[in-house]
Amino acid sequence: ESLDGRQSSVNLILFIHDVENLQPGLYIVIRNESRRQVLKELLDPDFLWKATDVEGLYLLKEGDCKAQAKMISCSQDIAADGAFSLGMLAEYSMQLHSFGPHRYKELYWECGAIGQQLYLEATALGLSATGIGCFLDDEMHALLGLEDNRHQVLYHFTVGRALVDGRLSTQPPYERND
């Protein structure tokens, strides 16, 4: 549930690239099962909606989606090079209408809480994660078949193995006076 007790308003659209036991493709994680039918009606009618062994995870479209993930994330390689990347798809216009303009920031808080959980889970698995602040929401909406603002992508994220950038150096934060 969201921070204020209302049910989750953010679902996850995943670009799966290299995850054990999942074929590459476009997936959705439904965090509030009561909203699945609404999403089925709003998203591309050609989507498969094939249930997986993971509760709430549905395969929408099979195949390599690295190029789409990278393009949607402002051509950042990180969106295509990891295990997966995702967009956080929030119920939007109805939330603002029902709960007022302050709901906008609450939707971002929910996305932030999801991101924090992803950071923690990735770290626990020996992986790395990062938020992707630059993304093309209109392109993501077109990919999903969204035609209005009932849902809005608010944030993107990626998880995978970190690559050490040899151009960067790490130094201790403070000089020690022992």
N, C-alpha and C. Protein backbone atom coordinates (compact mmCIF):
# COMPACT_ATOMS: atom_id res chain seq x y z
N GLU A 1 0.83 -1.19 0.00
CA GLU A 1 0.00 0.00 0.00
C GLU A 1 0.87 1.24 0.00
N SER A 2 0.28 2.35 -0.38
CA SER A 2 1.01 3.60 -0.40
C SER A 2 1.18 4.13 1.02
N LEU A 3 1.95 5.19 1.16
CA LEU A 3 2.29 5.73 2.47
C LEU A 3 1.08 6.15 3.29
N ASP A 4 0.02 6.60 2.65
CA ASP A 4 -1.13 7.11 3.40
C ASP A 4 -2.24 6.08 3.55
N GLY A 5 -1.99 4.81 3.24
CA GLY A 5 -2.98 3.77 3.44
C GLY A 5 -3.81 3.45 2.20
N ARG A 6 -3.79 4.31 1.19
CA ARG A 6 -4.49 3.98 -0.05
C ARG A 6 -3.72 2.84 -0.72
N GLN A 7 -4.41 2.12 -1.58
CA GLN A 7 -3.75 1.02 -2.27
C GLN A 7 -2.69 1.53 -3.23
N SER A 8 -1.75 0.67 -3.56
CA SER A 8 -0.66 1.03 -4.46
C SER A 8 -1.20 1.61 -5.76
N SER A 9 -0.60 2.69 -6.20
CA SER A 9 -1.00 3.36 -7.43
C SER A 9 0.04 3.24 -8.52
N VAL A 10 1.15 2.59 -8.22
CA VAL A 10 2.26 2.50 -9.16
C VAL A 10 2.51 1.03 -9.51
N ASN A 11 2.51 0.75 -10.81
CA ASN A 11 2.86 -0.57 -11.32
C ASN A 11 4.18 -0.45 -12.05
N LEU A 12 4.82 -1.56 -12.32
CA LEU A 12 6.15 -1.55 -12.92
C LEU A 12 6.12 -2.17 -14.30
N ILE A 13 6.66 -1.45 -15.28
CA ILE A 13 6.83 -1.97 -16.63
C ILE A 13 8.29 -2.35 -16.77
N LEU A 14 8.57 -3.63 -16.94
CA LEU A 14 9.94 -4.12 -16.96
C LEU A 14 10.40 -4.50 -18.37
N PHE A 15 11.62 -4.07 -18.67
CA PHE A 15 12.32 -4.52 -19.86
C PHE A 15 13.30 -5.59 -19.37
N ILE A 16 12.93 -6.86 -19.51
CA ILE A 16 13.77 -7.95 -19.02
C ILE A 16 14.80 -8.30 -20.10
N HIS A 17 16.08 -8.22 -19.71
CA HIS A 17 17.17 -8.51 -20.64
C HIS A 17 17.86 -9.83 -20.30
N ASP A 18 18.22 -10.00 -19.02
CA ASP A 18 19.03 -11.16 -18.61
C ASP A 18 18.69 -11.52 -17.17
N VAL A 19 17.57 -12.19 -16.99
CA VAL A 19 17.11 -12.59 -15.67
C VAL A 19 16.84 -14.10 -15.70
N GLU A 20 17.40 -14.82 -14.75
CA GLU A 20 17.20 -16.27 -14.70
C GLU A 20 15.71 -16.59 -14.68
N ASN A 21 15.35 -17.62 -15.43
CA ASN A 21 13.99 -18.16 -15.49
C ASN A 21 12.96 -17.23 -16.11
N LEU A 22 13.40 -16.14 -16.75
CA LEU A 22 12.48 -15.28 -17.48
C LEU A 22 13.05 -15.03 -18.87
N GLN A 23 12.21 -15.19 -19.87
CA GLN A 23 12.66 -14.91 -21.23
C GLN A 23 12.72 -13.41 -21.44
N PRO A 24 13.59 -12.93 -22.31
CA PRO A 24 13.63 -11.50 -22.59
C PRO A 24 12.28 -11.02 -23.11
N GLY A 25 11.92 -9.81 -22.71
CA GLY A 25 10.67 -9.24 -23.17
C GLY A 25 10.21 -8.09 -22.31
N LEU A 26 9.02 -7.63 -22.61
CA LEU A 26 8.38 -6.55 -21.88
C LEU A 26 7.37 -7.17 -20.93
N TYR A 27 7.46 -6.81 -19.65
CA TYR A 27 6.61 -7.38 -18.60
C TYR A 27 5.94 -6.25 -17.82
N ILE A 28 4.94 -6.63 -17.05
CA ILE A 28 4.33 -5.70 -16.11
C ILE A 28 4.21 -6.39 -14.76
N VAL A 29 4.50 -5.65 -13.70
CA VAL A 29 4.24 -6.09 -12.33
C VAL A 29 3.03 -5.31 -11.86
N ILE A 30 1.96 -6.03 -11.59
CA ILE A 30 0.73 -5.41 -11.08
C ILE A 30 0.83 -5.43 -9.55
N ARG A 31 0.94 -4.26 -8.95
CA ARG A 31 1.09 -4.16 -7.51
C ARG A 31 -0.25 -4.05 -6.79
N ASN A 32 -1.31 -3.85 -7.55
CA ASN A 32 -2.66 -3.78 -7.01
C ASN A 32 -3.53 -4.57 -7.99
N GLU A 33 -3.72 -5.84 -7.69
CA GLU A 33 -4.39 -6.76 -8.61
C GLU A 33 -5.78 -6.28 -9.04
N SER A 34 -6.43 -5.50 -8.20
CA SER A 34 -7.77 -5.01 -8.56
C SER A 34 -7.73 -4.05 -9.76
N ARG A 35 -6.54 -3.57 -10.11
CA ARG A 35 -6.40 -2.62 -11.22
C ARG A 35 -5.95 -3.30 -12.53
N ARG A 36 -5.75 -4.62 -12.50
CA ARG A 36 -5.25 -5.33 -13.69
C ARG A 36 -6.19 -5.17 -14.88
N GLN A 37 -7.49 -5.33 -14.67
CA GLN A 37 -8.43 -5.25 -15.80
C GLN A 37 -8.43 -3.86 -16.43
N VAL A 38 -8.34 -2.83 -15.61
CA VAL A 38 -8.28 -1.47 -16.13
C VAL A 38 -7.05 -1.31 -17.02
N LEU A 39 -5.92 -1.81 -16.55
CA LEU A 39 -4.69 -1.72 -17.34
C LEU A 39 -4.80 -2.52 -18.64
N LYS A 40 -5.41 -3.70 -18.57
CA LYS A 40 -5.59 -4.50 -19.78
C LYS A 40 -6.39 -3.73 -20.83
N GLU A 41 -7.36 -2.97 -20.37
CA GLU A 41 -8.20 -2.20 -21.29
C GLU A 41 -7.48 -0.97 -21.84
N LEU A 42 -6.57 -0.39 -21.07
CA LEU A 42 -5.87 0.82 -21.49
C LEU A 42 -4.62 0.57 -22.32
N LEU A 43 -3.93 -0.53 -22.05
CA LEU A 43 -2.67 -0.81 -22.73
C LEU A 43 -2.92 -1.47 -24.09
N ASP A 44 -1.87 -1.57 -24.86
CA ASP A 44 -1.92 -2.15 -26.20
C ASP A 44 -2.73 -3.45 -26.21
N PRO A 45 -3.75 -3.54 -27.05
CA PRO A 45 -4.58 -4.75 -27.08
C PRO A 45 -3.84 -5.98 -27.58
N ASP A 46 -2.68 -5.80 -28.21
CA ASP A 46 -1.90 -6.94 -28.69
C ASP A 46 -1.01 -7.56 -27.61
N PHE A 47 -0.95 -6.95 -26.44
CA PHE A 47 -0.13 -7.50 -25.36
C PHE A 47 -0.66 -8.88 -24.96
N LEU A 48 0.25 -9.77 -24.57
CA LEU A 48 -0.08 -11.16 -24.24
C LEU A 48 -0.77 -11.33 -22.88
N TRP A 49 -0.34 -10.61 -21.89
CA TRP A 49 -0.82 -10.76 -20.52
C TRP A 49 -0.68 -12.21 -20.04
N LYS A 50 0.47 -12.80 -20.34
CA LYS A 50 0.74 -14.19 -19.95
C LYS A 50 1.29 -14.22 -18.52
N ALA A 51 0.58 -14.91 -17.63
CA ALA A 51 1.01 -15.01 -16.24
C ALA A 51 2.32 -15.79 -16.17
N THR A 52 3.16 -15.42 -15.22
CA THR A 52 4.42 -16.11 -14.98
C THR A 52 4.33 -16.83 -13.63
N ASP A 53 5.42 -17.46 -13.25
CA ASP A 53 5.47 -18.13 -11.94
C ASP A 53 5.57 -17.15 -10.78
N VAL A 54 5.82 -15.88 -11.09
CA VAL A 54 5.94 -14.84 -10.07
C VAL A 54 4.60 -14.13 -9.94
N GLU A 55 4.07 -14.09 -8.74
CA GLU A 55 2.77 -13.47 -8.51
C GLU A 55 2.77 -12.00 -8.96
N GLY A 56 1.79 -11.64 -9.77
CA GLY A 56 1.64 -10.26 -10.22
C GLY A 56 2.49 -9.89 -11.42
N LEU A 57 3.32 -10.82 -11.92
CA LEU A 57 4.20 -10.55 -13.06
C LEU A 57 3.62 -11.18 -14.32
N TYR A 58 3.41 -10.35 -15.34
CA TYR A 58 2.82 -10.80 -16.60
C TYR A 58 3.73 -10.42 -17.77
N LEU A 59 3.91 -11.37 -18.69
CA LEU A 59 4.64 -11.11 -19.92
C LEU A 59 3.69 -10.40 -20.87
N LEU A 60 4.10 -9.22 -21.32
CA LEU A 60 3.29 -8.47 -22.28
C LEU A 60 3.72 -8.73 -23.71
N LYS A 61 5.04 -8.79 -23.93
CA LYS A 61 5.56 -8.93 -25.28
C LYS A 61 6.90 -9.66 -25.22
N GLU A 62 7.04 -10.72 -26.01
CA GLU A 62 8.27 -11.49 -26.04
C GLU A 62 9.31 -10.81 -26.92
N GLY A 63 10.59 -11.06 -26.60
CA GLY A 63 11.67 -10.63 -27.47
C GLY A 63 12.62 -9.63 -26.84
N ASP A 64 13.72 -9.43 -27.53
CA ASP A 64 14.76 -8.51 -27.09
C ASP A 64 14.22 -7.09 -27.11
N CYS A 65 14.30 -6.41 -26.00
CA CYS A 65 13.80 -5.04 -25.90
C CYS A 65 14.90 -4.07 -25.44
N LYS A 66 16.15 -4.47 -25.63
CA LYS A 66 17.26 -3.62 -25.21
C LYS A 66 17.27 -2.29 -25.95
N ALA A 67 17.06 -2.33 -27.24
CA ALA A 67 17.09 -1.08 -28.03
C ALA A 67 15.98 -0.13 -27.58
N GLN A 68 14.81 -0.67 -27.32
CA GLN A 68 13.70 0.18 -26.85
C GLN A 68 14.00 0.76 -25.48
N ALA A 69 14.53 -0.07 -24.58
CA ALA A 69 14.85 0.41 -23.24
C ALA A 69 15.88 1.53 -23.31
N LYS A 70 16.90 1.34 -24.13
CA LYS A 70 17.95 2.35 -24.28
C LYS A 70 17.39 3.63 -24.88
N MET A 71 16.61 3.53 -25.93
CA MET A 71 16.05 4.71 -26.59
C MET A 71 15.14 5.49 -25.64
N ILE A 72 14.30 4.79 -24.92
CA ILE A 72 13.37 5.44 -23.99
C ILE A 72 14.13 6.13 -22.86
N SER A 73 15.29 5.58 -22.49
CA SER A 73 16.11 6.16 -21.43
C SER A 73 17.16 7.11 -21.99
N CYS A 74 16.74 7.93 -22.94
CA CYS A 74 17.61 8.98 -23.51
C CYS A 74 18.93 8.42 -24.05
N SER A 75 18.86 7.26 -24.66
CA SER A 75 20.01 6.60 -25.29
C SER A 75 21.11 6.24 -24.30
N GLN A 76 20.75 6.03 -23.05
CA GLN A 76 21.73 5.63 -22.04
C GLN A 76 21.93 4.11 -22.10
N ASP A 77 23.17 3.69 -22.29
CA ASP A 77 23.49 2.26 -22.38
C ASP A 77 23.04 1.49 -21.15
N ILE A 78 23.08 2.13 -20.01
CA ILE A 78 22.78 1.45 -18.75
C ILE A 78 21.39 0.80 -18.76
N ALA A 79 20.45 1.35 -19.52
CA ALA A 79 19.10 0.79 -19.57
C ALA A 79 19.05 -0.51 -20.35
N ALA A 80 20.04 -0.74 -21.22
CA ALA A 80 20.06 -1.95 -22.03
C ALA A 80 21.10 -2.97 -21.56
N ASP A 81 22.09 -2.53 -20.79
CA ASP A 81 23.21 -3.40 -20.45
C ASP A 81 23.02 -4.19 -19.16
N GLY A 82 22.02 -3.87 -18.38
CA GLY A 82 21.80 -4.56 -17.11
C GLY A 82 20.93 -5.79 -17.25
N ALA A 83 20.55 -6.34 -16.12
CA ALA A 83 19.64 -7.49 -16.10
C ALA A 83 18.25 -7.07 -16.54
N PHE A 84 17.84 -5.89 -16.07
CA PHE A 84 16.54 -5.35 -16.48
C PHE A 84 16.50 -3.85 -16.19
N SER A 85 15.60 -3.18 -16.86
CA SER A 85 15.29 -1.80 -16.51
C SER A 85 13.77 -1.72 -16.41
N LEU A 86 13.29 -0.65 -15.83
CA LEU A 86 11.85 -0.56 -15.65
C LEU A 86 11.39 0.88 -15.61
N GLY A 87 10.12 1.05 -15.90
CA GLY A 87 9.45 2.33 -15.74
C GLY A 87 8.36 2.18 -14.71
N MET A 88 8.19 3.19 -13.89
CA MET A 88 7.15 3.18 -12.86
C MET A 88 5.93 3.90 -13.41
N LEU A 89 4.88 3.12 -13.65
CA LEU A 89 3.65 3.60 -14.28
C LEU A 89 2.60 3.86 -13.21
N ALA A 90 2.26 5.12 -13.03
CA ALA A 90 1.34 5.52 -11.96
C ALA A 90 -0.05 5.83 -12.51
N GLU A 91 -1.07 5.43 -11.76
CA GLU A 91 -2.40 5.96 -12.02
C GLU A 91 -2.26 7.46 -11.81
N TYR A 92 -2.77 8.25 -12.71
CA TYR A 92 -2.43 9.66 -12.65
C TYR A 92 -3.64 10.58 -12.52
N SER A 93 -4.35 10.81 -13.60
CA SER A 93 -5.39 11.85 -13.58
C SER A 93 -6.47 11.56 -12.54
N MET A 94 -6.88 10.31 -12.39
CA MET A 94 -7.92 9.97 -11.40
C MET A 94 -7.40 10.20 -9.98
N GLN A 95 -6.13 9.90 -9.75
CA GLN A 95 -5.54 10.14 -8.43
C GLN A 95 -5.56 11.62 -8.08
N LEU A 96 -5.17 12.46 -9.04
CA LEU A 96 -5.16 13.90 -8.79
C LEU A 96 -6.58 14.43 -8.60
N HIS A 97 -7.49 13.92 -9.40
CA HIS A 97 -8.88 14.36 -9.29
C HIS A 97 -9.49 13.93 -7.95
N SER A 98 -9.22 12.70 -7.54
CA SER A 98 -9.82 12.16 -6.31
C SER A 98 -9.21 12.73 -5.04
N PHE A 99 -7.88 12.94 -5.04
CA PHE A 99 -7.20 13.29 -3.79
C PHE A 99 -6.60 14.69 -3.78
N GLY A 100 -6.65 15.38 -4.91
CA GLY A 100 -6.13 16.74 -4.96
C GLY A 100 -4.71 16.81 -5.48
N PRO A 101 -4.25 18.04 -5.74
CA PRO A 101 -2.93 18.24 -6.35
C PRO A 101 -1.77 17.69 -5.52
N HIS A 102 -1.93 17.63 -4.19
CA HIS A 102 -0.84 17.11 -3.36
C HIS A 102 -0.55 15.65 -3.67
N ARG A 103 -1.48 14.96 -4.32
CA ARG A 103 -1.28 13.55 -4.65
C ARG A 103 -0.12 13.37 -5.64
N TYR A 104 0.15 14.42 -6.42
CA TYR A 104 1.26 14.36 -7.38
C TYR A 104 2.57 14.03 -6.67
N LYS A 105 2.87 14.75 -5.60
CA LYS A 105 4.12 14.48 -4.89
C LYS A 105 4.07 13.14 -4.17
N GLU A 106 2.89 12.73 -3.73
CA GLU A 106 2.76 11.43 -3.07
C GLU A 106 3.04 10.29 -4.04
N LEU A 107 2.65 10.44 -5.30
CA LEU A 107 2.96 9.43 -6.30
C LEU A 107 4.47 9.31 -6.48
N TYR A 108 5.16 10.44 -6.45
CA TYR A 108 6.64 10.40 -6.52
C TYR A 108 7.23 9.78 -5.26
N TRP A 109 6.62 10.02 -4.12
CA TRP A 109 7.10 9.37 -2.89
C TRP A 109 6.98 7.85 -3.03
N GLU A 110 5.86 7.40 -3.59
CA GLU A 110 5.68 5.97 -3.79
C GLU A 110 6.76 5.42 -4.73
N CYS A 111 7.05 6.14 -5.80
CA CYS A 111 8.12 5.74 -6.71
C CYS A 111 9.46 5.71 -5.98
N GLY A 112 9.71 6.69 -5.13
CA GLY A 112 10.94 6.74 -4.36
C GLY A 112 11.07 5.55 -3.42
N ALA A 113 9.98 5.16 -2.80
CA ALA A 113 9.99 4.00 -1.90
C ALA A 113 10.28 2.72 -2.69
N ILE A 114 9.70 2.61 -3.88
CA ILE A 114 9.98 1.46 -4.74
C ILE A 114 11.45 1.46 -5.13
N GLY A 115 11.97 2.61 -5.53
CA GLY A 115 13.38 2.71 -5.89
C GLY A 115 14.29 2.32 -4.75
N GLN A 116 13.98 2.78 -3.56
CA GLN A 116 14.79 2.43 -2.39
C GLN A 116 14.79 0.93 -2.15
N GLN A 117 13.63 0.30 -2.29
CA GLN A 117 13.54 -1.15 -2.12
C GLN A 117 14.37 -1.86 -3.19
N LEU A 118 14.33 -1.35 -4.41
CA LEU A 118 15.14 -1.94 -5.48
C LEU A 118 16.63 -1.82 -5.19
N TYR A 119 17.07 -0.66 -4.66
CA TYR A 119 18.47 -0.50 -4.27
C TYR A 119 18.86 -1.54 -3.22
N LEU A 120 18.03 -1.70 -2.21
CA LEU A 120 18.33 -2.64 -1.14
C LEU A 120 18.37 -4.08 -1.64
N GLU A 121 17.38 -4.47 -2.44
CA GLU A 121 17.32 -5.83 -2.96
C GLU A 121 18.50 -6.11 -3.89
N ALA A 122 18.83 -5.16 -4.75
CA ALA A 122 19.97 -5.35 -5.66
C ALA A 122 21.26 -5.54 -4.87
N THR A 123 21.46 -4.69 -3.87
CA THR A 123 22.67 -4.79 -3.05
C THR A 123 22.74 -6.14 -2.34
N ALA A 124 21.60 -6.60 -1.82
CA ALA A 124 21.56 -7.89 -1.12
C ALA A 124 21.93 -9.04 -2.06
N LEU A 125 21.67 -8.87 -3.35
CA LEU A 125 21.99 -9.90 -4.34
C LEU A 125 23.37 -9.71 -4.97
N GLY A 126 24.14 -8.73 -4.49
CA GLY A 126 25.46 -8.47 -5.04
C GLY A 126 25.40 -7.75 -6.38
N LEU A 127 24.30 -7.08 -6.65
CA LEU A 127 24.12 -6.32 -7.88
C LEU A 127 24.15 -4.83 -7.58
N SER A 128 24.00 -4.05 -8.61
CA SER A 128 23.93 -2.60 -8.45
C SER A 128 22.64 -2.12 -9.10
N ALA A 129 22.24 -0.92 -8.73
CA ALA A 129 21.01 -0.34 -9.26
C ALA A 129 21.19 1.16 -9.36
N THR A 130 20.42 1.76 -10.23
CA THR A 130 20.45 3.21 -10.33
C THR A 130 19.14 3.71 -10.92
N GLY A 131 18.74 4.87 -10.44
CA GLY A 131 17.60 5.54 -11.03
C GLY A 131 18.03 6.19 -12.33
N ILE A 132 17.11 6.29 -13.26
CA ILE A 132 17.37 6.93 -14.55
C ILE A 132 16.45 8.13 -14.63
N GLY A 133 17.03 9.30 -14.46
CA GLY A 133 16.23 10.52 -14.43
C GLY A 133 15.81 11.03 -15.79
N CYS A 134 16.57 10.69 -16.82
CA CYS A 134 16.24 11.14 -18.16
C CYS A 134 15.56 10.00 -18.91
N PHE A 135 14.30 10.19 -19.24
CA PHE A 135 13.58 9.20 -20.03
C PHE A 135 12.52 9.92 -20.84
N LEU A 136 12.13 9.29 -21.93
CA LEU A 136 11.17 9.88 -22.86
C LEU A 136 9.79 9.28 -22.58
N ASP A 137 9.02 9.98 -21.75
CA ASP A 137 7.75 9.41 -21.33
C ASP A 137 6.77 9.25 -22.49
N ASP A 138 6.77 10.16 -23.45
CA ASP A 138 5.86 10.01 -24.59
C ASP A 138 6.18 8.74 -25.39
N GLU A 139 7.47 8.42 -25.53
CA GLU A 139 7.86 7.20 -26.23
C GLU A 139 7.44 5.96 -25.44
N MET A 140 7.58 6.03 -24.13
CA MET A 140 7.16 4.91 -23.28
C MET A 140 5.65 4.73 -23.37
N HIS A 141 4.92 5.82 -23.34
CA HIS A 141 3.45 5.74 -23.44
C HIS A 141 3.04 5.16 -24.79
N ALA A 142 3.73 5.55 -25.86
CA ALA A 142 3.42 5.00 -27.19
C ALA A 142 3.69 3.50 -27.23
N LEU A 143 4.81 3.06 -26.63
CA LEU A 143 5.13 1.63 -26.57
C LEU A 143 4.02 0.87 -25.87
N LEU A 144 3.46 1.46 -24.81
CA LEU A 144 2.42 0.79 -24.02
C LEU A 144 1.03 0.92 -24.64
N GLY A 145 0.89 1.84 -25.58
CA GLY A 145 -0.43 2.05 -26.17
C GLY A 145 -1.31 3.01 -25.39
N LEU A 146 -0.72 3.78 -24.49
CA LEU A 146 -1.49 4.73 -23.70
C LEU A 146 -1.86 5.94 -24.57
N GLU A 147 -3.10 6.35 -24.48
CA GLU A 147 -3.58 7.45 -25.33
C GLU A 147 -4.06 8.66 -24.55
N ASP A 148 -4.01 8.61 -23.23
CA ASP A 148 -4.43 9.76 -22.43
C ASP A 148 -3.59 9.79 -21.15
N ASN A 149 -3.97 10.63 -20.21
CA ASN A 149 -3.15 10.77 -19.00
C ASN A 149 -3.75 10.06 -17.78
N ARG A 150 -4.54 9.04 -18.01
CA ARG A 150 -5.03 8.26 -16.87
C ARG A 150 -3.88 7.56 -16.15
N HIS A 151 -2.83 7.25 -16.92
CA HIS A 151 -1.60 6.69 -16.35
C HIS A 151 -0.42 7.48 -16.90
N GLN A 152 0.60 7.61 -16.06
CA GLN A 152 1.78 8.39 -16.43
C GLN A 152 3.02 7.69 -15.90
N VAL A 153 4.06 7.58 -16.73
CA VAL A 153 5.33 7.05 -16.26
C VAL A 153 6.04 8.17 -15.52
N LEU A 154 6.41 7.91 -14.27
CA LEU A 154 7.02 8.94 -13.44
C LEU A 154 8.52 8.76 -13.22
N TYR A 155 9.02 7.54 -13.34
CA TYR A 155 10.44 7.34 -13.07
C TYR A 155 10.91 6.05 -13.74
N HIS A 156 12.21 5.98 -14.02
CA HIS A 156 12.82 4.78 -14.59
C HIS A 156 13.97 4.34 -13.69
N PHE A 157 14.33 3.07 -13.82
CA PHE A 157 15.31 2.47 -12.93
C PHE A 157 15.96 1.31 -13.67
N THR A 158 17.16 0.93 -13.27
CA THR A 158 17.82 -0.23 -13.86
C THR A 158 18.60 -1.00 -12.80
N VAL A 159 18.74 -2.31 -13.02
CA VAL A 159 19.45 -3.19 -12.10
C VAL A 159 20.35 -4.10 -12.92
N GLY A 160 21.58 -4.30 -12.43
CA GLY A 160 22.51 -5.21 -13.10
C GLY A 160 23.83 -5.24 -12.38
N ARG A 161 24.82 -5.84 -13.02
CA ARG A 161 26.17 -5.88 -12.45
C ARG A 161 26.89 -4.58 -12.80
N ALA A 162 27.55 -4.02 -11.82
CA ALA A 162 28.27 -2.75 -12.04
C ALA A 162 29.52 -2.99 -12.86
N LEU A 163 29.83 -2.04 -13.70
CA LEU A 163 31.09 -2.02 -14.42
C LEU A 163 31.94 -0.91 -13.82
N VAL A 164 33.17 -1.24 -13.47
CA VAL A 164 34.06 -0.25 -12.89
C VAL A 164 34.55 0.68 -13.99
N ASP A 165 34.39 1.95 -13.80
CA ASP A 165 34.83 2.95 -14.77
C ASP A 165 36.26 3.36 -14.40
N GLY A 166 37.22 2.94 -15.20
CA GLY A 166 38.62 3.22 -14.93
C GLY A 166 38.98 4.70 -14.97
N ARG A 167 38.09 5.52 -15.51
CA ARG A 167 38.35 6.97 -15.57
C ARG A 167 38.11 7.63 -14.22
N LEU A 168 37.47 6.91 -13.31
CA LEU A 168 37.15 7.48 -12.00
C LEU A 168 38.08 6.91 -10.95
N SER A 169 38.39 7.71 -9.96
CA SER A 169 39.21 7.22 -8.85
C SER A 169 38.47 7.49 -7.55
N THR A 170 38.75 6.65 -6.59
CA THR A 170 38.14 6.79 -5.27
C THR A 170 39.24 7.10 -4.27
N GLN A 171 39.00 8.10 -3.45
CA GLN A 171 39.96 8.48 -2.42
C GLN A 171 39.23 8.56 -1.09
N PRO A 172 39.99 8.40 0.00
CA PRO A 172 39.33 8.51 1.30
C PRO A 172 38.69 9.91 1.46
N PRO A 173 37.58 9.98 2.17
CA PRO A 173 36.86 11.27 2.27
C PRO A 173 37.59 12.32 3.08
N TYR A 174 38.39 11.92 4.08
CA TYR A 174 39.06 12.90 4.93
C TYR A 174 40.51 12.47 5.17
N GLU A 175 41.36 13.45 5.29
CA GLU A 175 42.74 13.16 5.63
C GLU A 175 42.78 12.74 7.09
N ARG A 176 43.51 11.69 7.37
CA ARG A 176 43.57 11.19 8.75
C ARG A 176 44.75 11.85 9.45
N ASN A 177 44.56 12.26 10.68
CA ASN A 177 45.59 12.84 11.51
C ASN A 177 45.88 11.91 12.68
N ASP A 178 46.52 10.78 12.39
CA ASP A 178 46.80 9.79 13.45
C ASP A 178 48.03 10.16 14.25
